[in-house]
Amino acid sequence: MLFIEYPKCSTCRKALKYLKDNNKEVTVRNIVEATPTKEELIAWIDKSGLEPKKFFNTCGKVYKELGLKDKVSLMSKEEIAEMLSKDGMLIKRPILVSNDVVLVGFKEESYSKVK
């Protein structure tokens, strides 16, 4: 499994601890140092079943500075993926990618079901 995180994020640390405590093997990737590509994001959006806008870190400074709240609903999946691929801080985290599912954010209940 691939675990995409921002190391300073407390939610990411909590999620990673949960995975390790439950003996889940993951490859850890820093969302800023190795920002997901547009192609990865499109694939993950499709696999997650979520609306593309759910991949935005709506609490983040960059999201607010760019005034994206009113713009996101008018953007296509490709436009969203392109924008997210330019700045890892725009992406909601953590992201857990397994063979079966893509999870955005951390909910223990959802993580417990991942194989």
PDB file of N, CA and C in Angstrom:
ATOM      1  N   MET A   1       0.837  -1.181   0.000  1.00  0.00           N
ATOM      2  CA  MET A   1       0.000   0.000   0.000  1.00  0.00           C
ATOM      3  C   MET A   1       0.877   1.238   0.000  1.00  0.00           C
ATOM      4  N   LEU A   2       0.335   2.277  -0.563  1.00  0.00           N
ATOM      5  CA  LEU A   2       1.028   3.562  -0.617  1.00  0.00           C
ATOM      6  C   LEU A   2       0.334   4.523   0.339  1.00  0.00           C
ATOM      7  N   PHE A   3       1.114   5.146   1.208  1.00  0.00           N
ATOM      8  CA  PHE A   3       0.601   6.105   2.182  1.00  0.00           C
ATOM      9  C   PHE A   3       1.232   7.451   1.877  1.00  0.00           C
ATOM     10  N   ILE A   4       0.401   8.410   1.498  1.00  0.00           N
ATOM     11  CA  ILE A   4       0.900   9.731   1.129  1.00  0.00           C
ATOM     12  C   ILE A   4       0.569  10.685   2.264  1.00  0.00           C
ATOM     13  N   GLU A   5       1.610  11.347   2.758  1.00  0.00           N
ATOM     14  CA  GLU A   5       1.451  12.155   3.965  1.00  0.00           C
ATOM     15  C   GLU A   5       2.235  13.460   3.897  1.00  0.00           C
ATOM     16  N   TYR A   6       1.906  14.329   4.845  1.00  0.00           N
ATOM     17  CA  TYR A   6       2.709  15.497   5.151  1.00  0.00           C
ATOM     18  C   TYR A   6       3.188  15.247   6.579  1.00  0.00           C
ATOM     19  N   PRO A   7       4.485  15.022   6.787  1.00  0.00           N
ATOM     20  CA  PRO A   7       4.995  14.588   8.091  1.00  0.00           C
ATOM     21  C   PRO A   7       4.619  15.485   9.273  1.00  0.00           C
ATOM     22  N   LYS A   8       4.380  16.763   9.036  1.00  0.00           N
ATOM     23  CA  LYS A   8       4.039  17.676  10.134  1.00  0.00           C
ATOM     24  C   LYS A   8       2.551  17.643  10.481  1.00  0.00           C
ATOM     25  N   CYS A   9       1.777  16.916   9.708  1.00  0.00           N
ATOM     26  CA  CYS A   9       0.327  16.839   9.903  1.00  0.00           C
ATOM     27  C   CYS A   9      -0.003  15.819  10.991  1.00  0.00           C
ATOM     28  N   SER A  10      -0.703  16.244  12.026  1.00  0.00           N
ATOM     29  CA  SER A  10      -1.025  15.338  13.140  1.00  0.00           C
ATOM     30  C   SER A  10      -1.959  14.212  12.697  1.00  0.00           C
ATOM     31  N   THR A  11      -2.860  14.482  11.783  1.00  0.00           N
ATOM     32  CA  THR A  11      -3.759  13.433  11.283  1.00  0.00           C
ATOM     33  C   THR A  11      -2.968  12.374  10.522  1.00  0.00           C
ATOM     34  N   CYS A  12      -1.993  12.806   9.744  1.00  0.00           N
ATOM     35  CA  CYS A  12      -1.141  11.857   9.017  1.00  0.00           C
ATOM     36  C   CYS A  12      -0.358  10.985   9.990  1.00  0.00           C
ATOM     37  N   ARG A  13       0.183  11.594  11.026  1.00  0.00           N
ATOM     38  CA  ARG A  13       0.947  10.830  12.021  1.00  0.00           C
ATOM     39  C   ARG A  13       0.050   9.815  12.730  1.00  0.00           C
ATOM     40  N   LYS A  14      -1.157  10.243  13.050  1.00  0.00           N
ATOM     41  CA  LYS A  14      -2.116   9.350  13.708  1.00  0.00           C
ATOM     42  C   LYS A  14      -2.467   8.170  12.796  1.00  0.00           C
ATOM     43  N   ALA A  15      -2.702   8.453  11.519  1.00  0.00           N
ATOM     44  CA  ALA A  15      -3.051   7.400  10.554  1.00  0.00           C
ATOM     45  C   ALA A  15      -1.895   6.423  10.372  1.00  0.00           C
ATOM     46  N   LEU A  16      -0.682   6.942  10.257  1.00  0.00           N
ATOM     47  CA  LEU A  16       0.484   6.080  10.076  1.00  0.00           C
ATOM     48  C   LEU A  16       0.706   5.205  11.310  1.00  0.00           C
ATOM     49  N   LYS A  17       0.515   5.769  12.484  1.00  0.00           N
ATOM     50  CA  LYS A  17       0.634   4.987  13.717  1.00  0.00           C
ATOM     51  C   LYS A  17      -0.405   3.867  13.713  1.00  0.00           C
ATOM     52  N   TYR A  18      -1.624   4.182  13.309  1.00  0.00           N
ATOM     53  CA  TYR A  18      -2.678   3.166  13.248  1.00  0.00           C
ATOM     54  C   TYR A  18      -2.263   2.022  12.318  1.00  0.00           C
ATOM     55  N   LEU A  19      -1.752   2.377  11.149  1.00  0.00           N
ATOM     56  CA  LEU A  19      -1.334   1.354  10.184  1.00  0.00           C
ATOM     57  C   LEU A  19      -0.222   0.476  10.754  1.00  0.00           C
ATOM     58  N   LYS A  20       0.773   1.109  11.375  1.00  0.00           N
ATOM     59  CA  LYS A  20       1.890   0.350  11.949  1.00  0.00           C
ATOM     60  C   LYS A  20       1.433  -0.518  13.116  1.00  0.00           C
ATOM     61  N   ASP A  21       0.565   0.040  13.969  1.00  0.00           N
ATOM     62  CA  ASP A  21       0.047  -0.719  15.115  1.00  0.00           C
ATOM     63  C   ASP A  21      -0.759  -1.934  14.667  1.00  0.00           C
ATOM     64  N   ASN A  22      -1.312  -1.863  13.463  1.00  0.00           N
ATOM     65  CA  ASN A  22      -2.123  -2.957  12.935  1.00  0.00           C
ATOM     66  C   ASN A  22      -1.379  -3.775  11.884  1.00  0.00           C
ATOM     67  N   ASN A  23      -0.051  -3.662  11.923  1.00  0.00           N
ATOM     68  CA  ASN A  23       0.832  -4.469  11.068  1.00  0.00           C
ATOM     69  C   ASN A  23       0.534  -4.354   9.575  1.00  0.00           C
ATOM     70  N   LYS A  24       0.172  -3.161   9.140  1.00  0.00           N
ATOM     71  CA  LYS A  24      -0.051  -2.910   7.713  1.00  0.00           C
ATOM     72  C   LYS A  24       1.253  -2.385   7.120  1.00  0.00           C
ATOM     73  N   GLU A  25       1.705  -3.024   6.064  1.00  0.00           N
ATOM     74  CA  GLU A  25       2.932  -2.578   5.409  1.00  0.00           C
ATOM     75  C   GLU A  25       2.593  -1.498   4.388  1.00  0.00           C
ATOM     76  N   VAL A  26       3.267  -0.368   4.526  1.00  0.00           N
ATOM     77  CA  VAL A  26       3.025   0.742   3.610  1.00  0.00           C
ATOM     78  C   VAL A  26       4.340   1.342   3.139  1.00  0.00           C
ATOM     79  N   THR A  27       4.294   1.889   1.950  1.00  0.00           N
ATOM     80  CA  THR A  27       5.378   2.711   1.440  1.00  0.00           C
ATOM     81  C   THR A  27       4.949   4.146   1.699  1.00  0.00           C
ATOM     82  N   VAL A  28       5.783   4.891   2.410  1.00  0.00           N
ATOM     83  CA  VAL A  28       5.436   6.258   2.794  1.00  0.00           C
ATOM     84  C   VAL A  28       6.029   7.243   1.792  1.00  0.00           C
ATOM     85  N   ARG A  29       5.208   8.203   1.399  1.00  0.00           N
ATOM     86  CA  ARG A  29       5.633   9.216   0.429  1.00  0.00           C
ATOM     87  C   ARG A  29       5.221  10.598   0.932  1.00  0.00           C
ATOM     88  N   ASN A  30       6.158  11.521   0.913  1.00  0.00           N
ATOM     89  CA  ASN A  30       5.917  12.896   1.337  1.00  0.00           C
ATOM     90  C   ASN A  30       5.171  13.640   0.228  1.00  0.00           C
ATOM     91  N   ILE A  31       4.031  14.203   0.572  1.00  0.00           N
ATOM     92  CA  ILE A  31       3.162  14.849  -0.405  1.00  0.00           C
ATOM     93  C   ILE A  31       3.768  16.121  -1.007  1.00  0.00           C
ATOM     94  N   VAL A  32       4.719  16.721  -0.291  1.00  0.00           N
ATOM     95  CA  VAL A  32       5.358  17.943  -0.787  1.00  0.00           C
ATOM     96  C   VAL A  32       6.601  17.612  -1.609  1.00  0.00           C
ATOM     97  N   GLU A  33       7.416  16.689  -1.113  1.00  0.00           N
ATOM     98  CA  GLU A  33       8.651  16.321  -1.808  1.00  0.00           C
ATOM     99  C   GLU A  33       8.390  15.493  -3.059  1.00  0.00           C
ATOM    100  N   ALA A  34       7.310  14.724  -3.051  1.00  0.00           N
ATOM    101  CA  ALA A  34       6.952  13.879  -4.203  1.00  0.00           C
ATOM    102  C   ALA A  34       5.449  14.034  -4.456  1.00  0.00           C
ATOM    103  N   THR A  35       5.090  15.227  -4.881  1.00  0.00           N
ATOM    104  CA  THR A  35       3.681  15.543  -5.124  1.00  0.00           C
ATOM    105  C   THR A  35       3.107  14.607  -6.183  1.00  0.00           C
ATOM    106  N   PRO A  36       1.910  14.070  -5.922  1.00  0.00           N
ATOM    107  CA  PRO A  36       1.289  13.190  -6.915  1.00  0.00           C
ATOM    108  C   PRO A  36       1.141  13.875  -8.276  1.00  0.00           C
ATOM    109  N   THR A  37       1.278  13.091  -9.321  1.00  0.00           N
ATOM    110  CA  THR A  37       1.137  13.616 -10.680  1.00  0.00           C
ATOM    111  C   THR A  37      -0.340  13.748 -11.037  1.00  0.00           C
ATOM    112  N   LYS A  38      -0.595  14.476 -12.100  1.00  0.00           N
ATOM    113  CA  LYS A  38      -1.966  14.623 -12.595  1.00  0.00           C
ATOM    114  C   LYS A  38      -2.563  13.249 -12.900  1.00  0.00           C
ATOM    115  N   GLU A  39      -1.778  12.391 -13.528  1.00  0.00           N
ATOM    116  CA  GLU A  39      -2.252  11.058 -13.905  1.00  0.00           C
ATOM    117  C   GLU A  39      -2.578  10.215 -12.674  1.00  0.00           C
ATOM    118  N   GLU A  40      -1.706  10.278 -11.654  1.00  0.00           N
ATOM    119  CA  GLU A  40      -1.980   9.546 -10.412  1.00  0.00           C
ATOM    120  C   GLU A  40      -3.276  10.043  -9.782  1.00  0.00           C
ATOM    121  N   LEU A  41      -3.417  11.354  -9.721  1.00  0.00           N
ATOM    122  CA  LEU A  41      -4.598  11.938  -9.090  1.00  0.00           C
ATOM    123  C   LEU A  41      -5.882  11.547  -9.814  1.00  0.00           C
ATOM    124  N   ILE A  42      -5.866  11.575 -11.130  1.00  0.00           N
ATOM    125  CA  ILE A  42      -7.053  11.168 -11.897  1.00  0.00           C
ATOM    126  C   ILE A  42      -7.394   9.707 -11.594  1.00  0.00           C
ATOM    127  N   ALA A  43      -6.384   8.854 -11.576  1.00  0.00           N
ATOM    128  CA  ALA A  43      -6.613   7.431 -11.278  1.00  0.00           C
ATOM    129  C   ALA A  43      -7.172   7.259  -9.864  1.00  0.00           C
ATOM    130  N   TRP A  44      -6.636   7.994  -8.905  1.00  0.00           N
ATOM    131  CA  TRP A  44      -7.095   7.878  -7.519  1.00  0.00           C
ATOM    132  C   TRP A  44      -8.501   8.437  -7.345  1.00  0.00           C
ATOM    133  N   ILE A  45      -8.798   9.534  -8.024  1.00  0.00           N
ATOM    134  CA  ILE A  45     -10.151  10.097  -7.970  1.00  0.00           C
ATOM    135  C   ILE A  45     -11.141   9.057  -8.486  1.00  0.00           C
ATOM    136  N   ASP A  46     -10.822   8.467  -9.624  1.00  0.00           N
ATOM    137  CA  ASP A  46     -11.702   7.447 -10.214  1.00  0.00           C
ATOM    138  C   ASP A  46     -11.864   6.249  -9.278  1.00  0.00           C
ATOM    139  N   LYS A  47     -10.764   5.784  -8.722  1.00  0.00           N
ATOM    140  CA  LYS A  47     -10.792   4.589  -7.868  1.00  0.00           C
ATOM    141  C   LYS A  47     -11.499   4.856  -6.538  1.00  0.00           C
ATOM    142  N   SER A  48     -11.404   6.083  -6.052  1.00  0.00           N
ATOM    143  CA  SER A  48     -11.985   6.421  -4.747  1.00  0.00           C
ATOM    144  C   SER A  48     -13.506   6.500  -4.784  1.00  0.00           C
ATOM    145  N   GLY A  49     -14.045   6.864  -5.955  1.00  0.00           N
ATOM    146  CA  GLY A  49     -15.484   7.069  -6.051  1.00  0.00           C
ATOM    147  C   GLY A  49     -15.929   8.406  -5.471  1.00  0.00           C
ATOM    148  N   LEU A  50     -14.974   9.228  -5.060  1.00  0.00           N
ATOM    149  CA  LEU A  50     -15.285  10.537  -4.485  1.00  0.00           C
ATOM    150  C   LEU A  50     -15.380  11.598  -5.573  1.00  0.00           C
ATOM    151  N   GLU A  51     -16.079  12.673  -5.258  1.00  0.00           N
ATOM    152  CA  GLU A  51     -16.075  13.825  -6.152  1.00  0.00           C
ATOM    153  C   GLU A  51     -14.648  14.382  -6.158  1.00  0.00           C
ATOM    154  N   PRO A  52     -14.181  14.839  -7.308  1.00  0.00           N
ATOM    155  CA  PRO A  52     -12.816  15.376  -7.372  1.00  0.00           C
ATOM    156  C   PRO A  52     -12.531  16.468  -6.341  1.00  0.00           C
ATOM    157  N   LYS A  53     -13.517  17.293  -6.034  1.00  0.00           N
ATOM    158  CA  LYS A  53     -13.288  18.389  -5.085  1.00  0.00           C
ATOM    159  C   LYS A  53     -12.956  17.892  -3.678  1.00  0.00           C
ATOM    160  N   LYS A  54     -13.275  16.640  -3.373  1.00  0.00           N
ATOM    161  CA  LYS A  54     -12.978  16.066  -2.056  1.00  0.00           C
ATOM    162  C   LYS A  54     -11.477  15.857  -1.849  1.00  0.00           C
ATOM    163  N   PHE A  55     -10.697  15.991  -2.916  1.00  0.00           N
ATOM    164  CA  PHE A  55      -9.246  15.836  -2.813  1.00  0.00           C
ATOM    165  C   PHE A  55      -8.559  17.141  -2.408  1.00  0.00           C
ATOM    166  N   PHE A  56      -9.314  18.223  -2.303  1.00  0.00           N
ATOM    167  CA  PHE A  56      -8.739  19.500  -1.882  1.00  0.00           C
ATOM    168  C   PHE A  56      -8.637  19.579  -0.366  1.00  0.00           C
ATOM    169  N   ASN A  57      -7.538  20.131   0.111  1.00  0.00           N
ATOM    170  CA  ASN A  57      -7.346  20.433   1.526  1.00  0.00           C
ATOM    171  C   ASN A  57      -8.010  21.784   1.775  1.00  0.00           C
ATOM    172  N   THR A  58      -9.311  21.749   2.054  1.00  0.00           N
ATOM    173  CA  THR A  58     -10.090  22.986   2.168  1.00  0.00           C
ATOM    174  C   THR A  58      -9.730  23.816   3.395  1.00  0.00           C
ATOM    175  N   CYS A  59      -9.030  23.228   4.343  1.00  0.00           N
ATOM    176  CA  CYS A  59      -8.602  23.962   5.538  1.00  0.00           C
ATOM    177  C   CYS A  59      -7.233  24.608   5.349  1.00  0.00           C
ATOM    178  N   GLY A  60      -6.590  24.298   4.250  1.00  0.00           N
ATOM    179  CA  GLY A  60      -5.226  24.763   4.028  1.00  0.00           C
ATOM    180  C   GLY A  60      -5.113  26.224   3.634  1.00  0.00           C
ATOM    181  N   LYS A  61      -3.975  26.778   3.939  1.00  0.00           N
ATOM    182  CA  LYS A  61      -3.662  28.179   3.665  1.00  0.00           C
ATOM    183  C   LYS A  61      -3.706  28.481   2.160  1.00  0.00           C
ATOM    184  N   VAL A  62      -3.099  27.619   1.357  1.00  0.00           N
ATOM    185  CA  VAL A  62      -3.022  27.855  -0.092  1.00  0.00           C
ATOM    186  C   VAL A  62      -4.424  27.856  -0.709  1.00  0.00           C
ATOM    187  N   TYR A  63      -5.260  26.913  -0.295  1.00  0.00           N
ATOM    188  CA  TYR A  63      -6.643  26.818  -0.792  1.00  0.00           C
ATOM    189  C   TYR A  63      -7.375  28.134  -0.534  1.00  0.00           C
ATOM    190  N   LYS A  64      -7.215  28.648   0.674  1.00  0.00           N
ATOM    191  CA  LYS A  64      -7.894  29.892   1.052  1.00  0.00           C
ATOM    192  C   LYS A  64      -7.303  31.093   0.322  1.00  0.00           C
ATOM    193  N   GLU A  65      -5.982  31.137   0.219  1.00  0.00           N
ATOM    194  CA  GLU A  65      -5.322  32.259  -0.462  1.00  0.00           C
ATOM    195  C   GLU A  65      -5.743  32.363  -1.924  1.00  0.00           C
ATOM    196  N   LEU A  66      -5.943  31.210  -2.565  1.00  0.00           N
ATOM    197  CA  LEU A  66      -6.331  31.196  -3.977  1.00  0.00           C
ATOM    198  C   LEU A  66      -7.834  31.384  -4.180  1.00  0.00           C
ATOM    199  N   GLY A  67      -8.577  31.467  -3.085  1.00  0.00           N
ATOM    200  CA  GLY A  67     -10.020  31.655  -3.170  1.00  0.00           C
ATOM    201  C   GLY A  67     -10.713  30.544  -3.946  1.00  0.00           C
ATOM    202  N   LEU A  68     -10.321  29.313  -3.693  1.00  0.00           N
ATOM    203  CA  LEU A  68     -10.818  28.187  -4.491  1.00  0.00           C
ATOM    204  C   LEU A  68     -12.224  27.733  -4.119  1.00  0.00           C
ATOM    205  N   LYS A  69     -12.723  28.159  -2.975  1.00  0.00           N
ATOM    206  CA  LYS A  69     -14.035  27.704  -2.512  1.00  0.00           C
ATOM    207  C   LYS A  69     -15.107  27.833  -3.593  1.00  0.00           C
ATOM    208  N   ASP A  70     -15.146  28.971  -4.258  1.00  0.00           N
ATOM    209  CA  ASP A  70     -16.181  29.212  -5.271  1.00  0.00           C
ATOM    210  C   ASP A  70     -15.783  28.743  -6.666  1.00  0.00           C
ATOM    211  N   LYS A  71     -14.527  28.424  -6.871  1.00  0.00           N
ATOM    212  CA  LYS A  71     -14.041  28.038  -8.202  1.00  0.00           C
ATOM    213  C   LYS A  71     -14.083  26.530  -8.449  1.00  0.00           C
ATOM    214  N   VAL A  72     -13.890  25.750  -7.392  1.00  0.00           N
ATOM    215  CA  VAL A  72     -13.740  24.302  -7.519  1.00  0.00           C
ATOM    216  C   VAL A  72     -14.944  23.642  -8.181  1.00  0.00           C
ATOM    217  N   SER A  73     -16.140  24.090  -7.839  1.00  0.00           N
ATOM    218  CA  SER A  73     -17.348  23.454  -8.388  1.00  0.00           C
ATOM    219  C   SER A  73     -17.475  23.650  -9.895  1.00  0.00           C
ATOM    220  N   LEU A  74     -16.755  24.607 -10.442  1.00  0.00           N
ATOM    221  CA  LEU A  74     -16.804  24.879 -11.882  1.00  0.00           C
ATOM    222  C   LEU A  74     -15.692  24.172 -12.656  1.00  0.00           C
ATOM    223  N   MET A  75     -14.815  23.486 -11.932  1.00  0.00           N
ATOM    224  CA  MET A  75     -13.650  22.860 -12.564  1.00  0.00           C
ATOM    225  C   MET A  75     -13.918  21.401 -12.923  1.00  0.00           C
ATOM    226  N   SER A  76     -13.313  20.953 -14.009  1.00  0.00           N
ATOM    227  CA  SER A  76     -13.415  19.546 -14.414  1.00  0.00           C
ATOM    228  C   SER A  76     -12.449  18.709 -13.571  1.00  0.00           C
ATOM    229  N   LYS A  77     -12.620  17.404 -13.635  1.00  0.00           N
ATOM    230  CA  LYS A  77     -11.721  16.489 -12.925  1.00  0.00           C
ATOM    231  C   LYS A  77     -10.282  16.712 -13.378  1.00  0.00           C
ATOM    232  N   GLU A  78     -10.086  16.886 -14.675  1.00  0.00           N
ATOM    233  CA  GLU A  78      -8.740  17.085 -15.213  1.00  0.00           C
ATOM    234  C   GLU A  78      -8.135  18.393 -14.715  1.00  0.00           C
ATOM    235  N   GLU A  79      -8.947  19.452 -14.656  1.00  0.00           N
ATOM    236  CA  GLU A  79      -8.457  20.746 -14.167  1.00  0.00           C
ATOM    237  C   GLU A  79      -8.085  20.655 -12.685  1.00  0.00           C
ATOM    238  N   ILE A  80      -8.908  19.955 -11.928  1.00  0.00           N
ATOM    239  CA  ILE A  80      -8.621  19.782 -10.503  1.00  0.00           C
ATOM    240  C   ILE A  80      -7.326  18.993 -10.318  1.00  0.00           C
ATOM    241  N   ALA A  81      -7.188  17.891 -11.037  1.00  0.00           N
ATOM    242  CA  ALA A  81      -5.979  17.069 -10.927  1.00  0.00           C
ATOM    243  C   ALA A  81      -4.738  17.867 -11.326  1.00  0.00           C
ATOM    244  N   GLU A  82      -4.857  18.664 -12.358  1.00  0.00           N
ATOM    245  CA  GLU A  82      -3.736  19.507 -12.803  1.00  0.00           C
ATOM    246  C   GLU A  82      -3.337  20.486 -11.703  1.00  0.00           C
ATOM    247  N   MET A  83      -4.314  21.152 -11.108  1.00  0.00           N
ATOM    248  CA  MET A  83      -4.034  22.128 -10.059  1.00  0.00           C
ATOM    249  C   MET A  83      -3.413  21.448  -8.835  1.00  0.00           C
ATOM    250  N   LEU A  84      -3.969  20.325  -8.426  1.00  0.00           N
ATOM    251  CA  LEU A  84      -3.452  19.614  -7.257  1.00  0.00           C
ATOM    252  C   LEU A  84      -2.025  19.124  -7.476  1.00  0.00           C
ATOM    253  N   SER A  85      -1.713  18.727  -8.696  1.00  0.00           N
ATOM    254  CA  SER A  85      -0.373  18.203  -8.997  1.00  0.00           C
ATOM    255  C   SER A  85       0.707  19.282  -8.931  1.00  0.00           C
ATOM    256  N   LYS A  86       0.303  20.528  -8.929  1.00  0.00           N
ATOM    257  CA  LYS A  86       1.261  21.642  -8.885  1.00  0.00           C
ATOM    258  C   LYS A  86       1.689  22.011  -7.465  1.00  0.00           C
ATOM    259  N   ASP A  87       0.873  21.614  -6.452  1.00  0.00           N
ATOM    260  CA  ASP A  87       1.182  21.991  -5.073  1.00  0.00           C
ATOM    261  C   ASP A  87       0.594  20.960  -4.112  1.00  0.00           C
ATOM    262  N   GLY A  88       1.458  20.157  -3.512  1.00  0.00           N
ATOM    263  CA  GLY A  88       1.019  19.114  -2.594  1.00  0.00           C
ATOM    264  C   GLY A  88       0.227  19.627  -1.404  1.00  0.00           C
ATOM    265  N   MET A  89       0.439  20.895  -1.033  1.00  0.00           N
ATOM    266  CA  MET A  89      -0.278  21.453   0.109  1.00  0.00           C
ATOM    267  C   MET A  89      -1.759  21.701  -0.204  1.00  0.00           C
ATOM    268  N   LEU A  90      -2.131  21.630  -1.457  1.00  0.00           N
ATOM    269  CA  LEU A  90      -3.544  21.767  -1.832  1.00  0.00           C
ATOM    270  C   LEU A  90      -4.314  20.460  -1.642  1.00  0.00           C
ATOM    271  N   ILE A  91      -3.584  19.359  -1.493  1.00  0.00           N
ATOM    272  CA  ILE A  91      -4.205  18.035  -1.466  1.00  0.00           C
ATOM    273  C   ILE A  91      -4.568  17.622  -0.043  1.00  0.00           C
ATOM    274  N   LYS A  92      -5.793  17.155   0.119  1.00  0.00           N
ATOM    275  CA  LYS A  92      -6.228  16.616   1.412  1.00  0.00           C
ATOM    276  C   LYS A  92      -5.385  15.387   1.722  1.00  0.00           C
ATOM    277  N   ARG A  93      -5.036  15.239   2.967  1.00  0.00           N
ATOM    278  CA  ARG A  93      -4.168  14.153   3.362  1.00  0.00           C
ATOM    279  C   ARG A  93      -4.612  13.577   4.696  1.00  0.00           C
ATOM    280  N   PRO A  94      -4.162  12.375   4.994  1.00  0.00           N
ATOM    281  CA  PRO A  94      -3.354  11.487   4.168  1.00  0.00           C
ATOM    282  C   PRO A  94      -4.183  10.825   3.071  1.00  0.00           C
ATOM    283  N   ILE A  95      -3.476  10.217   2.135  1.00  0.00           N
ATOM    284  CA  ILE A  95      -4.113   9.395   1.103  1.00  0.00           C
ATOM    285  C   ILE A  95      -3.530   7.993   1.246  1.00  0.00           C
ATOM    286  N   LEU A  96      -4.414   7.014   1.305  1.00  0.00           N
ATOM    287  CA  LEU A  96      -3.993   5.616   1.380  1.00  0.00           C
ATOM    288  C   LEU A  96      -4.470   4.924   0.112  1.00  0.00           C
ATOM    289  N   VAL A  97      -3.517   4.374  -0.631  1.00  0.00           N
ATOM    290  CA  VAL A  97      -3.826   3.709  -1.898  1.00  0.00           C
ATOM    291  C   VAL A  97      -3.502   2.226  -1.753  1.00  0.00           C
ATOM    292  N   SER A  98      -4.530   1.396  -1.891  1.00  0.00           N
ATOM    293  CA  SER A  98      -4.317  -0.053  -1.872  1.00  0.00           C
ATOM    294  C   SER A  98      -4.763  -0.608  -3.218  1.00  0.00           C
ATOM    295  N   ASN A  99      -4.671  -1.919  -3.370  1.00  0.00           N
ATOM    296  CA  ASN A  99      -5.136  -2.535  -4.619  1.00  0.00           C
ATOM    297  C   ASN A  99      -6.628  -2.335  -4.823  1.00  0.00           C
ATOM    298  N   ASP A 100      -7.368  -2.251  -3.718  1.00  0.00           N
ATOM    299  CA  ASP A 100      -8.822  -2.216  -3.790  1.00  0.00           C
ATOM    300  C   ASP A 100      -9.449  -0.839  -3.644  1.00  0.00           C
ATOM    301  N   VAL A 101      -8.770   0.058  -2.952  1.00  0.00           N
ATOM    302  CA  VAL A 101      -9.434   1.297  -2.549  1.00  0.00           C
ATOM    303  C   VAL A 101      -8.446   2.457  -2.440  1.00  0.00           C
ATOM    304  N   VAL A 102      -8.989   3.675  -2.526  1.00  0.00           N
ATOM    305  CA  VAL A 102      -8.234   4.893  -2.243  1.00  0.00           C
ATOM    306  C   VAL A 102      -9.010   5.637  -1.164  1.00  0.00           C
ATOM    307  N   LEU A 103      -8.340   5.903  -0.044  1.00  0.00           N
ATOM    308  CA  LEU A 103      -8.967   6.629   1.056  1.00  0.00           C
ATOM    309  C   LEU A 103      -8.303   7.988   1.201  1.00  0.00           C
ATOM    310  N   VAL A 104      -9.120   9.013   1.391  1.00  0.00           N
ATOM    311  CA  VAL A 104      -8.624  10.376   1.563  1.00  0.00           C
ATOM    312  C   VAL A 104      -9.018  10.826   2.964  1.00  0.00           C
ATOM    313  N   GLY A 105      -8.030  11.318   3.723  1.00  0.00           N
ATOM    314  CA  GLY A 105      -8.281  11.646   5.119  1.00  0.00           C
ATOM    315  C   GLY A 105      -8.098  10.392   5.962  1.00  0.00           C
ATOM    316  N   PHE A 106      -8.360  10.510   7.254  1.00  0.00           N
ATOM    317  CA  PHE A 106      -8.205   9.345   8.132  1.00  0.00           C
ATOM    318  C   PHE A 106      -9.451   9.128   8.962  1.00  0.00           C
ATOM    319  N   LYS A 107     -10.062   7.981   8.743  1.00  0.00           N
ATOM    320  CA  LYS A 107     -11.152   7.499   9.587  1.00  0.00           C
ATOM    321  C   LYS A 107     -10.783   6.069   9.945  1.00  0.00           C
ATOM    322  N   GLU A 108     -10.619   5.828  11.236  1.00  0.00           N
ATOM    323  CA  GLU A 108     -10.173   4.512  11.698  1.00  0.00           C
ATOM    324  C   GLU A 108     -11.061   3.396  11.151  1.00  0.00           C
ATOM    325  N   GLU A 109     -12.354   3.633  11.117  1.00  0.00           N
ATOM    326  CA  GLU A 109     -13.288   2.615  10.622  1.00  0.00           C
ATOM    327  C   GLU A 109     -12.972   2.222   9.179  1.00  0.00           C
ATOM    328  N   SER A 110     -12.695   3.206   8.334  1.00  0.00           N
ATOM    329  CA  SER A 110     -12.365   2.926   6.931  1.00  0.00           C
ATOM    330  C   SER A 110     -11.024   2.210   6.814  1.00  0.00           C
ATOM    331  N   TYR A 111     -10.038   2.663   7.590  1.00  0.00           N
ATOM    332  CA  TYR A 111      -8.712   2.049   7.547  1.00  0.00           C
ATOM    333  C   TYR A 111      -8.756   0.597   8.017  1.00  0.00           C
ATOM    334  N   SER A 112      -9.639   0.300   8.965  1.00  0.00           N
ATOM    335  CA  SER A 112      -9.708  -1.058   9.514  1.00  0.00           C
ATOM    336  C   SER A 112     -10.167  -2.077   8.472  1.00  0.00           C
ATOM    337  N   LYS A 113     -10.834  -1.608   7.423  1.00  0.00           N
ATOM    338  CA  LYS A 113     -11.353  -2.506   6.387  1.00  0.00           C
ATOM    339  C   LYS A 113     -10.365  -2.743   5.244  1.00  0.00           C
ATOM    340  N   VAL A 114      -9.279  -1.988   5.232  1.00  0.00           N
ATOM    341  CA  VAL A 114      -8.304  -2.100   4.147  1.00  0.00           C
ATOM    342  C   VAL A 114      -7.440  -3.335   4.350  1.00  0.00           C
ATOM    343  N   LYS A 115      -7.270  -4.084   3.262  1.00  0.00           N
ATOM    344  CA  LYS A 115      -6.466  -5.315   3.330  1.00  0.00           C
ATOM    345  C   LYS A 115      -5.048  -5.050   2.886  1.00  0.00           C
TER     346      LYS A 115
END
